[in-house]
Amino acid sequence: MTLLILKGKTGHGKNRIREHGNKWRQLMLIDVGIISMSHRKKSTWPIRSLKTGEWRWFDLDNDQHFTLLRDESIELNGNS
């Protein structure tokens, strides 16, 4: 699992951090029910809040609402 620590850089992003926390995990497309997608930017992935379980799209290269402070791979004892 890849853990992402985010910081809001727009009002929208700051509200999402306040509501859903700053710790998110990167998901696979299948995790949100998408089998394939032809017009997706390669750096854009679904992420899920560890606090609330809500998911959203996130551009790992240059997201308009968030700054990526840190990303790290972690093991969760077989849980992802």
C-alpha atoms as a PDB file:
ATOM      1  CA  MET A   1       0.000   0.000   0.000  1.00  0.00           C
ATOM      2  CA  THR A   2       1.198   3.502  -0.745  1.00  0.00           C
ATOM      3  CA  LEU A   3       0.396   6.014   1.992  1.00  0.00           C
ATOM      4  CA  LEU A   4       0.059   9.643   0.855  1.00  0.00           C
ATOM      5  CA  ILE A   5       0.292  12.615   3.223  1.00  0.00           C
ATOM      6  CA  LEU A   6      -1.490  15.595   1.641  1.00  0.00           C
ATOM      7  CA  LYS A   7      -1.837  19.304   2.343  1.00  0.00           C
ATOM      8  CA  GLY A   8      -4.632  21.427   0.886  1.00  0.00           C
ATOM      9  CA  LYS A   9      -3.500  24.266  -1.368  1.00  0.00           C
ATOM     10  CA  THR A  10      -6.911  25.623  -2.418  1.00  0.00           C
ATOM     11  CA  GLY A  11     -10.025  26.249  -0.346  1.00  0.00           C
ATOM     12  CA  HIS A  12     -11.506  23.041  -1.761  1.00  0.00           C
ATOM     13  CA  GLY A  13      -8.410  21.021  -0.855  1.00  0.00           C
ATOM     14  CA  LYS A  14      -8.207  22.501   2.653  1.00  0.00           C
ATOM     15  CA  ASN A  15     -11.860  21.597   3.263  1.00  0.00           C
ATOM     16  CA  ARG A  16     -11.228  18.003   2.102  1.00  0.00           C
ATOM     17  CA  ILE A  17      -8.273  17.716   4.508  1.00  0.00           C
ATOM     18  CA  ARG A  18     -10.392  19.093   7.343  1.00  0.00           C
ATOM     19  CA  GLU A  19     -13.248  16.676   6.570  1.00  0.00           C
ATOM     20  CA  HIS A  20     -11.296  13.558   5.584  1.00  0.00           C
ATOM     21  CA  GLY A  21      -7.827  13.967   7.128  1.00  0.00           C
ATOM     22  CA  ASN A  22      -4.408  14.297   5.512  1.00  0.00           C
ATOM     23  CA  LYS A  23      -3.599  10.559   5.251  1.00  0.00           C
ATOM     24  CA  TRP A  24      -4.796   8.774   2.130  1.00  0.00           C
ATOM     25  CA  ARG A  25      -3.889   5.555   0.370  1.00  0.00           C
ATOM     26  CA  GLN A  26      -3.433   5.117  -3.352  1.00  0.00           C
ATOM     27  CA  LEU A  27      -5.913   2.668  -4.881  1.00  0.00           C
ATOM     28  CA  MET A  28      -6.053   0.638  -8.063  1.00  0.00           C
ATOM     29  CA  LEU A  29      -8.821   1.431 -10.560  1.00  0.00           C
ATOM     30  CA  ILE A  30     -10.565  -1.873  -9.784  1.00  0.00           C
ATOM     31  CA  ASP A  31     -10.806  -0.820  -6.098  1.00  0.00           C
ATOM     32  CA  VAL A  32     -13.375   1.816  -7.091  1.00  0.00           C
ATOM     33  CA  GLY A  33     -15.160  -0.357  -9.658  1.00  0.00           C
ATOM     34  CA  ILE A  34     -13.383   0.813 -12.820  1.00  0.00           C
ATOM     35  CA  ILE A  35     -12.158  -1.985 -15.076  1.00  0.00           C
ATOM     36  CA  SER A  36     -10.489   0.177 -17.705  1.00  0.00           C
ATOM     37  CA  MET A  37     -10.332   3.817 -18.626  1.00  0.00           C
ATOM     38  CA  SER A  38      -8.960   5.089 -21.928  1.00  0.00           C
ATOM     39  CA  HIS A  39      -8.692   8.844 -21.264  1.00  0.00           C
ATOM     40  CA  ARG A  40      -6.989   8.957 -17.862  1.00  0.00           C
ATOM     41  CA  LYS A  41      -3.785  10.872 -17.285  1.00  0.00           C
ATOM     42  CA  LYS A  42      -1.161   8.283 -16.275  1.00  0.00           C
ATOM     43  CA  SER A  43      -0.350  10.154 -13.038  1.00  0.00           C
ATOM     44  CA  THR A  44      -4.006  10.365 -11.911  1.00  0.00           C
ATOM     45  CA  TRP A  45      -5.158   7.679  -9.455  1.00  0.00           C
ATOM     46  CA  PRO A  46      -8.033   7.135  -7.043  1.00  0.00           C
ATOM     47  CA  ILE A  47      -7.112   7.633  -3.393  1.00  0.00           C
ATOM     48  CA  ARG A  48      -9.056   6.731  -0.240  1.00  0.00           C
ATOM     49  CA  SER A  49      -9.098   8.636   3.060  1.00  0.00           C
ATOM     50  CA  LEU A  50      -7.855   6.553   5.990  1.00  0.00           C
ATOM     51  CA  LYS A  51     -10.084   8.627   8.290  1.00  0.00           C
ATOM     52  CA  THR A  52     -13.448   8.397   6.501  1.00  0.00           C
ATOM     53  CA  GLY A  53     -13.072   5.832   3.711  1.00  0.00           C
ATOM     54  CA  GLU A  54     -14.177   8.341   1.061  1.00  0.00           C
ATOM     55  CA  TRP A  55     -12.305   8.223  -2.260  1.00  0.00           C
ATOM     56  CA  ARG A  56     -11.410  10.859  -4.849  1.00  0.00           C
ATOM     57  CA  TRP A  57      -9.127  11.355  -7.844  1.00  0.00           C
ATOM     58  CA  PHE A  58      -5.600  12.643  -7.220  1.00  0.00           C
ATOM     59  CA  ASP A  59      -2.920  13.697  -9.727  1.00  0.00           C
ATOM     60  CA  LEU A  60       0.410  12.496  -8.323  1.00  0.00           C
ATOM     61  CA  ASP A  61       2.364  14.930 -10.543  1.00  0.00           C
ATOM     62  CA  ASN A  62       0.418  18.169 -10.159  1.00  0.00           C
ATOM     63  CA  ASP A  63      -2.924  18.083  -8.358  1.00  0.00           C
ATOM     64  CA  GLN A  64      -4.774  21.409  -8.434  1.00  0.00           C
ATOM     65  CA  HIS A  65      -6.160  21.092  -4.889  1.00  0.00           C
ATOM     66  CA  PHE A  66      -3.437  19.267  -2.935  1.00  0.00           C
ATOM     67  CA  THR A  67       0.295  19.263  -2.339  1.00  0.00           C
ATOM     68  CA  LEU A  68       1.875  15.853  -1.790  1.00  0.00           C
ATOM     69  CA  LEU A  69       4.006  16.165   1.338  1.00  0.00           C
ATOM     70  CA  ARG A  70       5.148  12.550   1.497  1.00  0.00           C
ATOM     71  CA  ASP A  71       4.456   9.144   0.019  1.00  0.00           C
ATOM     72  CA  GLU A  72       5.695   5.840   1.362  1.00  0.00           C
ATOM     73  CA  SER A  73       5.030   2.160   0.908  1.00  0.00           C
ATOM     74  CA  ILE A  74       3.842   0.423   4.065  1.00  0.00           C
ATOM     75  CA  GLU A  75       2.737  -3.083   4.988  1.00  0.00           C
ATOM     76  CA  LEU A  76      -0.485  -3.596   6.944  1.00  0.00           C
ATOM     77  CA  ASN A  77      -0.124  -7.265   8.009  1.00  0.00           C
ATOM     78  CA  GLY A  78      -1.838  -8.549   4.887  1.00  0.00           C
ATOM     79  CA  ASN A  79      -4.539  -5.824   4.904  1.00  0.00           C
ATOM     80  CA  SER A  80      -4.577  -3.170   2.211  1.00  0.00           C
END
